[in-house]
Protein backbone atom coordinates (compact mmCIF):
# COMPACT_ATOMS: atom_id res chain seq x y z
CA MET A 1 102.94 102.79 91.81
CA TYR A 2 103.81 100.78 94.91
CA PRO A 3 100.72 101.82 96.95
CA ALA A 4 98.44 100.87 94.07
CA ARG A 5 100.27 97.57 93.61
CA ALA A 6 99.98 96.83 97.33
CA PHE A 7 96.24 97.52 97.32
CA ILE A 8 95.65 95.39 94.22
CA LEU A 9 97.74 92.55 95.64
CA LEU A 10 95.87 92.63 98.94
CA CYS A 11 92.43 92.68 97.35
CA GLY A 12 93.45 89.99 94.88
CA CYS A 13 94.62 87.71 97.67
CA VAL A 14 91.42 88.33 99.62
CA GLY A 15 89.28 87.39 96.64
CA ALA A 16 91.39 84.47 95.47
CA LEU A 17 91.90 82.85 98.83
CA SER A 18 88.30 83.38 99.90
CA LEU A 19 87.01 81.89 96.64
CA SER A 20 89.48 79.05 96.99
CA GLN A 21 88.12 78.27 100.44
CA LYS A 22 84.58 78.33 99.15
CA CYS A 23 85.39 75.94 96.35
CA ARG A 24 87.46 73.57 98.42
CA GLY A 25 85.29 73.84 101.51
CA ILE A 26 88.13 74.20 104.02
CA SER A 27 86.64 73.29 107.38
CA GLN A 28 86.90 74.90 110.77
CA ASP A 29 86.48 71.54 112.46
CA PRO A 30 86.52 68.09 110.85
CA PRO A 31 83.35 65.97 110.99
CA ASP A 32 82.43 63.78 113.95
CA ASN A 33 83.39 66.61 116.32
CA GLN A 34 87.07 65.77 116.02
CA PRO A 35 89.13 68.84 116.99
CA ALA A 36 91.16 70.27 114.15
CA PRO A 37 94.85 70.99 114.79
CA THR A 38 95.12 74.31 116.58
CA MET A 39 97.81 76.08 118.50
CA ALA A 40 95.26 77.42 120.95
CA PRO A 41 96.51 74.96 122.43
CA ASP A 42 93.90 72.19 122.55
CA GLY A 43 91.17 74.80 122.98
CA GLU A 44 91.98 75.32 126.67
CA ARG A 45 91.28 78.61 128.41
CA LEU A 46 94.27 80.13 130.21
CA PRO A 47 93.37 81.37 132.68
CA ASP A 48 89.69 81.31 133.54
CA ALA A 49 87.94 81.07 136.88
CA GLY A 50 87.43 77.34 136.42
CA ASP A 51 90.98 76.52 135.26
CA LYS A 52 94.06 75.94 137.39
CA PRO A 53 97.01 77.09 135.22
CA VAL A 54 97.81 80.81 135.11
CA LEU A 55 100.47 82.61 133.13
CA ASP A 56 99.23 83.85 129.76
CA ASN A 57 96.94 86.81 129.21
CA ASN A 58 93.19 86.41 129.55
CA PRO A 59 91.29 84.33 126.99
CA ASP A 60 89.34 86.33 124.49
CA VAL A 61 85.60 86.03 123.95
CA GLN A 62 86.16 83.00 121.72
CA GLY A 63 88.00 81.23 124.54
CA GLN A 64 91.51 81.37 123.09
CA PRO A 65 94.38 82.87 125.07
CA PRO A 66 95.45 86.02 123.20
CA THR A 67 99.20 85.51 123.39
CA GLU A 68 101.25 86.11 120.27
CA PHE A 69 102.05 82.40 120.20
CA SER A 70 98.57 81.04 120.61
CA GLN A 71 96.66 83.70 118.68
CA GLN A 72 98.44 82.78 115.47
CA ILE A 73 95.68 80.18 115.06
CA ARG A 74 92.14 81.11 116.09
CA VAL A 75 89.52 78.39 116.02
CA ASP A 76 86.02 79.32 117.10
CA LYS A 77 84.19 76.06 117.83
CA THR A 78 80.98 77.73 118.94
CA ASP A 79 79.78 78.79 115.51
CA GLN A 80 80.58 77.67 111.95
CA LYS A 81 78.53 80.19 110.00
CA ASN A 82 80.43 82.37 107.55
CA TRP A 83 79.74 84.75 104.68
CA LEU A 84 80.64 82.28 101.94
CA GLY A 85 78.57 79.45 103.40
CA VAL A 86 81.40 76.90 103.73
CA THR A 87 80.44 73.92 105.92
CA PRO A 88 82.25 70.79 107.13
CA ASP A 89 79.88 68.67 105.02
CA ASN A 90 81.43 69.85 101.74
CA ASP A 91 85.00 69.76 102.98
CA PRO A 92 87.23 67.58 100.73
CA LEU A 93 89.98 67.86 103.34
CA ALA A 94 87.90 66.16 106.04
CA PRO A 95 89.80 62.82 105.80
CA LEU A 96 93.11 64.65 106.19
CA MET A 97 91.78 66.69 109.11
CA ARG A 98 90.59 63.52 110.85
CA LEU A 99 93.99 61.96 110.26
CA LEU A 100 95.77 64.97 111.74
CA ALA A 101 93.41 64.97 114.72
CA LYS A 102 94.14 61.29 115.41
CA PHE A 103 97.87 61.94 114.99
CA ASN A 104 97.61 64.75 117.54
CA GLU A 105 95.69 62.51 119.95
CA LYS A 106 98.28 59.72 119.75
CA THR A 107 101.50 61.77 119.68
CA GLY A 108 100.60 65.09 121.29
CA LEU A 109 102.04 66.94 118.27
CA THR A 110 100.03 69.83 116.86
CA LEU A 111 100.86 71.75 113.66
CA GLY A 112 99.34 75.01 112.49
CA GLY A 113 99.98 78.00 110.28
CA ALA A 114 98.64 81.40 109.29
CA TYR A 115 99.11 84.03 106.61
CA THR A 116 98.14 87.63 107.41
CA MET A 117 98.24 90.75 105.23
CA LEU A 118 97.71 94.33 106.35
CA LEU A 119 97.16 97.55 104.39
CA GLN A 120 96.99 100.93 106.15
CA GLN A 121 96.30 104.28 104.49
CA ALA A 122 96.74 107.57 106.37
CA SER A 123 94.73 110.67 105.53
CA GLY A 124 97.49 113.11 106.42
CA GLY A 125 100.87 113.64 108.03
CA PRO A 126 104.25 114.85 106.79
CA GLY A 127 105.55 111.57 105.32
CA ARG A 128 104.47 108.66 103.16
CA ARG A 129 100.90 107.58 103.87
CA THR A 130 100.42 104.10 102.36
CA ALA A 131 101.87 101.01 104.03
CA ALA A 132 101.43 97.27 103.55
CA ALA A 133 103.09 94.07 104.72
CA GLY A 134 102.57 90.33 105.06
CA ASP A 135 103.22 87.85 107.86
CA ILE A 136 103.65 84.07 107.56
CA ASP A 137 103.56 81.96 110.73
CA LEU A 138 104.14 78.27 111.38
CA MET A 139 103.63 76.68 114.80
CA LEU A 140 104.49 73.28 116.24
CA SER A 141 103.65 72.08 119.72
CA TRP A 142 104.12 68.79 121.58
CA LYS A 143 102.16 68.05 124.75
CA LYS A 144 102.19 65.26 127.31
CA GLN A 145 99.18 65.20 129.62
CA PHE A 146 99.81 63.75 133.10
CA SER A 147 96.41 64.48 134.65
CA GLU A 148 93.37 66.63 134.00
CA THR A 149 95.32 69.74 135.01
CA ASP A 150 99.02 68.84 134.86
CA TYR A 151 101.02 68.58 131.64
CA MET A 152 104.35 69.31 130.00
CA ARG A 153 104.60 70.98 126.63
CA ILE A 154 107.23 72.16 124.15
CA ASN A 155 106.10 75.08 122.00
CA SER A 156 107.79 76.49 118.93
CA SER A 157 106.87 79.08 116.32
CA PHE A 158 108.48 80.34 113.11
CA GLU A 159 107.74 83.64 111.40
CA TYR A 160 108.56 85.58 108.24
CA ARG A 161 107.52 89.22 107.78
CA PHE A 162 107.84 91.01 104.46
CA GLN A 163 107.24 94.49 103.06
CA ILE A 164 104.81 95.34 100.26
CA GLY A 165 105.41 98.68 98.56
CA ASP A 166 107.40 101.62 99.92
CA ILE A 167 106.99 101.17 103.68
CA THR A 168 105.58 98.67 106.17
CA PRO A 169 102.71 99.46 108.57
CA ALA A 170 105.27 99.44 111.40
CA GLN A 171 106.92 102.45 109.70
CA LEU A 172 103.69 104.35 109.06
CA GLY A 173 103.43 105.92 112.54
CA PRO A 174 106.93 107.48 112.42
CA GLU A 175 106.26 108.65 108.84
CA ILE A 176 103.06 110.54 109.72
CA GLY A 177 104.26 111.70 113.15
CA THR A 178 102.28 109.68 115.69
CA LEU A 179 103.50 109.04 119.23
CA ILE A 180 102.09 105.50 119.23
CA PRO A 181 102.65 103.29 116.14
CA THR A 182 99.55 102.54 114.08
CA THR A 183 100.09 98.77 114.53
CA ASN A 184 102.07 96.21 116.46
CA GLY A 185 104.29 94.01 114.28
CA PHE A 186 103.93 94.01 110.47
CA ASN A 187 107.49 95.14 109.82
CA GLU A 188 110.06 93.56 107.49
CA ARG A 189 112.14 90.73 108.98
CA PRO A 190 113.86 87.58 107.69
CA PRO A 191 112.55 84.14 108.69
CA VAL A 192 113.23 83.50 112.39
CA VAL A 193 112.59 80.92 115.08
CA LYS A 194 110.31 83.16 117.05
CA GLU A 195 109.61 81.09 120.16
CA PHE A 196 110.91 77.81 121.49
CA PHE A 197 110.16 77.04 125.13
CA TYR A 198 109.29 74.37 127.67
CA ASP A 199 106.05 74.78 129.62
CA GLN A 200 104.81 72.69 132.55
CA THR A 201 102.13 72.69 135.25
CA LEU A 202 102.47 70.93 138.62
CA LEU A 203 100.55 70.40 141.87
CA ASP A 204 97.14 70.02 140.28
CA GLY A 205 97.75 73.09 138.14
CA HIS A 206 98.50 75.42 141.05
CA LEU A 207 102.09 75.93 139.82
CA ARG A 208 103.13 76.67 136.25
CA TRP A 209 106.58 77.47 134.92
CA LEU A 210 108.24 77.88 131.54
CA PHE A 211 111.66 78.70 130.16
CA GLY A 212 113.34 79.04 126.78
CA ARG A 213 112.99 81.53 123.95
CA ILE A 214 109.90 83.51 124.95
CA ASP A 215 108.11 86.78 124.22
CA PRO A 216 107.64 88.71 127.51
CA GLU A 217 104.79 90.69 125.96
CA ASN A 218 102.66 87.56 126.26
CA TYR A 219 102.92 87.36 130.04
CA VAL A 220 102.68 90.81 131.60
CA GLY A 221 100.60 93.95 131.07
CA GLY A 222 98.15 92.58 128.50
CA HIS A 223 94.38 92.28 128.16
CA ARG A 224 91.98 89.87 126.46
CA LEU A 225 91.60 91.83 123.21
CA GLN A 226 95.33 92.39 122.71
CA SER A 227 96.24 90.96 119.30
CA ALA A 228 97.09 92.75 116.07
CA ASN A 229 96.25 89.53 114.22
CA THR A 230 92.60 89.37 115.20
CA PHE A 231 91.52 92.47 117.12
CA PHE A 232 92.72 96.10 117.35
CA LEU A 233 95.76 97.20 115.35
CA ASN A 234 96.99 100.44 116.95
CA LYS A 235 99.83 99.57 119.31
CA ALA A 236 98.05 101.33 122.17
CA PHE A 237 95.63 98.38 122.18
CA SER A 238 97.48 95.54 120.41
CA SER A 239 100.48 95.87 122.75
CA ASN A 240 101.35 97.96 125.79
CA PRO A 241 103.49 100.92 124.65
CA ALA A 242 104.05 102.00 128.26
CA ILE A 243 106.15 98.84 128.89
CA ALA A 244 109.67 98.62 127.43
CA TYR A 245 109.45 95.02 126.28
CA PRO A 246 112.79 93.70 125.00
CA SER A 247 112.99 91.61 121.87
CA ILE A 248 112.04 87.94 122.03
CA GLY A 249 114.88 86.01 123.65
CA LEU A 250 115.91 83.61 126.38
CA GLY A 251 114.08 83.85 129.67
CA GLY A 252 111.65 82.20 132.02
CA ALA A 253 108.58 82.79 134.16
CA ALA A 254 106.55 81.07 136.86
CA ALA A 255 103.07 81.50 138.31
CA VAL A 256 101.49 80.30 141.55
CA LYS A 257 97.73 80.07 141.98
CA PRO A 258 97.03 79.09 145.61
CA VAL A 259 93.26 79.55 145.20
CA ASP A 260 90.99 79.80 142.19
CA TRP A 261 90.57 83.56 142.47
CA PHE A 262 94.15 84.75 143.08
CA TYR A 263 97.57 84.31 141.46
CA VAL A 264 101.12 85.67 141.55
CA LEU A 265 103.62 85.48 138.69
CA ALA A 266 107.18 86.62 138.04
CA GLY A 267 109.69 86.31 135.23
CA ALA A 268 112.79 87.68 133.54
CA THR A 269 114.22 87.76 130.02
CA ASP A 270 117.47 88.91 128.44
CA VAL A 271 117.32 92.69 127.94
CA ASN A 272 119.96 92.41 125.18
CA ALA A 273 118.00 89.82 123.17
CA GLN A 274 117.74 90.19 119.40
CA ILE A 275 115.13 88.15 117.59
CA THR A 276 117.44 87.36 114.67
CA GLN A 277 119.96 85.74 117.04
CA THR A 278 119.55 82.62 119.18
CA GLY A 279 121.17 84.20 122.24
CA PHE A 280 122.41 80.88 123.57
CA ASP A 281 126.05 81.98 123.41
CA ASN A 282 125.73 85.33 125.23
CA ALA A 283 122.36 85.54 127.03
CA PHE A 284 122.59 87.20 130.47
CA SER A 285 126.38 87.45 130.06
CA ASN A 286 126.27 90.99 131.47
CA GLY A 287 123.58 90.23 134.03
CA GLU A 288 121.21 92.70 132.37
CA VAL A 289 117.56 91.62 132.46
CA PHE A 290 114.00 92.69 131.87
CA ALA A 291 112.18 91.60 135.05
CA PHE A 292 108.44 91.62 135.65
CA GLY A 293 105.90 90.60 138.26
CA GLU A 294 102.15 90.53 138.55
CA VAL A 295 99.46 89.89 141.15
CA GLY A 296 95.92 89.35 140.02
CA GLY A 297 92.41 88.30 140.82
CA ILE A 298 90.16 86.09 138.72
CA THR A 299 86.39 86.45 138.78
CA ASN A 300 83.53 84.47 137.31
CA TRP A 301 80.26 86.24 137.92
CA LYS A 302 77.01 84.51 137.13
CA GLY A 303 75.34 86.11 134.14
CA LEU A 304 78.54 87.92 133.09
CA GLY A 305 81.42 85.49 132.73
CA SER A 306 85.13 85.49 133.48
CA GLY A 307 87.29 88.49 134.24
CA ARG A 308 90.70 89.35 135.53
CA GLN A 309 92.14 92.29 137.47
CA ARG A 310 95.91 92.54 137.65
CA LEU A 311 98.62 94.88 138.91
CA SER A 312 101.86 94.55 136.93
CA ILE A 313 105.31 95.96 137.64
CA TRP A 314 108.42 95.81 135.46
CA HIS A 315 112.03 96.94 135.32
CA SER A 316 114.44 97.01 132.40
CA ASP A 317 118.15 97.21 133.17
CA ALA A 318 120.32 99.51 131.13
CA SER A 319 121.75 97.68 128.13
CA SER A 320 125.49 97.90 127.60
CA VAL A 321 125.13 95.95 124.35
CA LEU A 322 122.31 97.95 122.75
CA ASN A 323 123.32 101.22 124.47
CA LYS A 324 119.91 101.81 126.04
CA PRO A 325 119.08 103.34 129.43
CA ALA A 326 117.17 101.68 132.25
CA ASP A 327 113.42 102.10 132.57
CA GLU A 328 110.61 100.88 134.83
CA GLY A 329 106.91 101.25 135.38
CA ILE A 330 103.60 99.97 136.70
CA CYS A 331 100.33 98.97 135.04
CA LEU A 332 96.78 98.26 136.23
CA THR A 333 94.53 96.26 133.89
CA VAL A 334 90.94 95.10 134.24
CA ASP A 335 88.96 93.09 131.71
CA GLN A 336 85.63 91.33 131.95
CA GLU A 337 83.23 89.33 129.85
CA ILE A 338 79.71 90.74 129.67
CA GLY A 339 77.66 87.70 128.81
CA PRO A 340 78.67 85.20 126.13
CA LYS A 341 79.24 87.72 123.33
CA ALA A 342 80.83 90.86 124.77
CA ALA A 343 83.94 91.92 126.68
CA VAL A 344 85.42 95.17 127.99
CA PHE A 345 88.90 96.19 129.11
CA LEU A 346 90.44 99.13 130.98
CA ARG A 347 94.13 99.88 131.42
CA ALA A 348 96.19 102.58 133.15
CA ALA A 349 99.98 102.57 133.02
CA TYR A 350 102.88 104.73 134.15
CA ALA A 351 106.57 104.53 133.16
CA ASN A 352 109.70 106.58 133.69
CA ALA A 353 109.62 106.71 129.88
CA THR A 354 113.36 106.77 129.24
CA LEU A 355 112.79 103.90 126.78
CA THR A 356 109.07 103.89 126.02
CA ASN A 357 108.61 107.67 125.54
CA VAL A 358 105.11 107.07 126.99
CA ARG A 359 104.85 108.21 130.60
CA ASN A 360 101.09 107.90 131.11
CA LEU A 361 98.67 105.67 129.24
CA TYR A 362 94.92 105.44 129.87
CA GLU A 363 92.66 103.35 127.67
CA GLY A 364 89.51 101.31 127.46
CA GLY A 365 87.71 99.25 124.87
CA PHE A 366 84.69 97.13 124.10
CA GLY A 367 84.24 94.11 121.84
CA PHE A 368 81.12 92.34 120.67
CA LYS A 369 80.73 89.28 118.49
CA GLY A 370 77.78 88.45 116.26
CA LEU A 371 76.58 92.00 115.62
CA THR A 372 76.22 91.13 111.92
CA GLY A 373 74.25 87.95 112.64
CA ILE A 374 77.28 85.65 112.34
CA ASP A 375 78.75 84.78 115.72
CA SER A 376 82.31 84.55 114.42
CA ASP A 377 82.22 88.18 113.25
CA TYR A 378 83.63 90.65 115.74
CA THR A 379 83.16 94.38 116.33
CA GLY A 380 85.47 96.52 118.45
CA ILE A 381 85.86 100.12 119.57
CA ALA A 382 88.57 101.54 121.85
CA LEU A 383 89.85 104.87 123.14
CA ALA A 384 93.37 105.68 124.40
CA TYR A 385 95.13 108.73 125.83
CA ALA A 386 98.95 108.69 125.81
CA ALA A 387 101.25 111.31 127.31
CA PRO A 388 105.02 111.49 126.70
CA PRO A 389 107.45 113.01 129.23
CA ASN A 390 107.82 115.95 126.83
CA GLY A 391 105.66 117.02 123.93
CA ARG A 392 102.00 116.71 122.95
CA ASP A 393 99.57 114.24 124.45
CA GLU A 394 97.96 111.99 121.86
CA THR A 395 94.40 110.66 121.74
CA ILE A 396 93.51 107.56 119.70
CA ILE A 397 90.14 106.14 118.73
CA GLU A 398 89.94 102.89 116.78
CA VAL A 399 86.96 100.95 115.44
CA PHE A 400 86.98 97.73 113.43
CA GLN A 401 84.66 95.11 112.01
CA ARG A 402 85.97 91.60 111.44
CA PHE A 403 84.07 89.36 108.99
CA GLN A 404 84.34 85.58 108.93
CA LEU A 405 84.58 85.08 105.18
CA ALA A 406 84.94 81.30 105.35
CA LEU A 407 85.74 78.79 108.05
CA ARG A 408 89.43 79.73 108.07
CA SER A 409 89.62 83.16 106.48
CA GLU A 410 88.80 86.55 107.95
CA LEU A 411 88.60 90.09 106.58
CA THR A 412 88.85 93.07 108.93
CA VAL A 413 88.14 96.69 107.99
CA GLY A 414 88.67 99.52 110.42
CA ALA A 415 89.73 103.10 111.04
CA GLN A 416 91.78 105.07 113.53
CA LEU A 417 91.33 108.71 114.48
CA ILE A 418 94.51 110.18 115.96
CA VAL A 419 94.03 113.58 117.59
CA ASN A 420 97.12 115.75 118.18
CA PRO A 421 99.68 113.26 116.81
CA GLY A 422 102.62 113.50 119.20
CA ARG A 423 105.39 113.94 116.63
CA ALA A 424 103.52 116.12 114.11
CA PRO A 425 102.99 119.47 115.89
CA ASP A 426 101.45 121.10 112.82
CA VAL A 427 98.75 118.43 112.41
CA GLY A 428 95.55 118.65 114.43
CA SER A 429 94.20 115.19 113.62
CA LEU A 430 94.51 112.47 111.02
CA GLY A 431 92.83 109.23 110.10
CA VAL A 432 94.24 105.80 109.32
CA PHE A 433 92.10 103.39 107.33
CA GLU A 434 92.98 99.69 107.51
CA CYS A 435 92.23 96.40 105.83
CA ARG A 436 93.52 93.07 107.18
CA PHE A 437 93.12 89.63 105.64
CA ARG A 438 93.98 86.41 107.45
CA ILE A 439 93.84 82.76 106.56
CA SER A 440 94.81 79.96 108.96
CA PHE A 441 94.98 76.20 109.08
């Protein structure tokens, strides 16, 4: 009963919200080329060969940095075509969007939100095979620009995750016996203040630092197509399962970019952090941290586009609070645009695997936008090989097609093939079929 109800609810929301957008004409950008509120933030690329600040993961093909914070809102200003034919000219919200844009210009405050639903259905495995969940995000950012490259900014985000049916997609992997979860996120969790941090650039953008409540996954070991909200879902690609990221909590990071093609960054967060707690009263009380560092090169080849090559190292202290052992590892990641519409990524990682249970990870993927004739649509395919310290090695193939239904709603359909699932020794292979709907403002 619950799987059927989850599927009906998901499809109903897709149809209702998409039709609602068509009727109301919700716009990607307000008229007169005024930028709509976006947590991207301000449409800047961080980092690219022509930009000074460096800290977040590479921008994706649409030019938005794919951090969990900034990818909550995705605004593609290069193309406004969509399957339902919504245009800014028939947008009744245009006056409000212009008002919000002017408010952002005068105050530096930007507000955004998103609602995402995911349904995954497994073809086999020993446990329950249908999973669904929803995710509601609200973001608020304030920015003060000092020069073309230097600024200060306060970022905050709020999130609520809820279960639909028997299990969430985050529980599907353990149910069917996979080594790597079938998605990143999409579990059940009460409303939380997810991130709240101060961010600043100095010295003409050559130095950037931030501190506060941060997600370390956004700053080390990632690639440009790493987002379960808009790209691949399997955690092999939408996160880095070979890194023992702690929960979001108090921490800080800094990056130095002495020249346009090279940077160094380092940071640390509380290894005992729990996302449902602020951590202000006991953060770092035991001196136990998750520390990371990265050195990288930035390229911008004529005819191809921007790319980044980075070597990341990390160490997680043993946690006396959560009763977890220490772990550490290393990761090499390369990603590169191939013209204005395509991008590739490669990643190899090694860990002691006392926490991650993934000792070796090798993967690569390719993304292409506009294959359907609408530039905002996106197609992706990726392959991963993951080996635990003990047990079966697991191979994962994922493909997806994302459709731009209207200016602010997307529908993604995809499939995963998991060969030799690591925790299901009697299963040779299984499939996971997925449907994701997302609406943002």
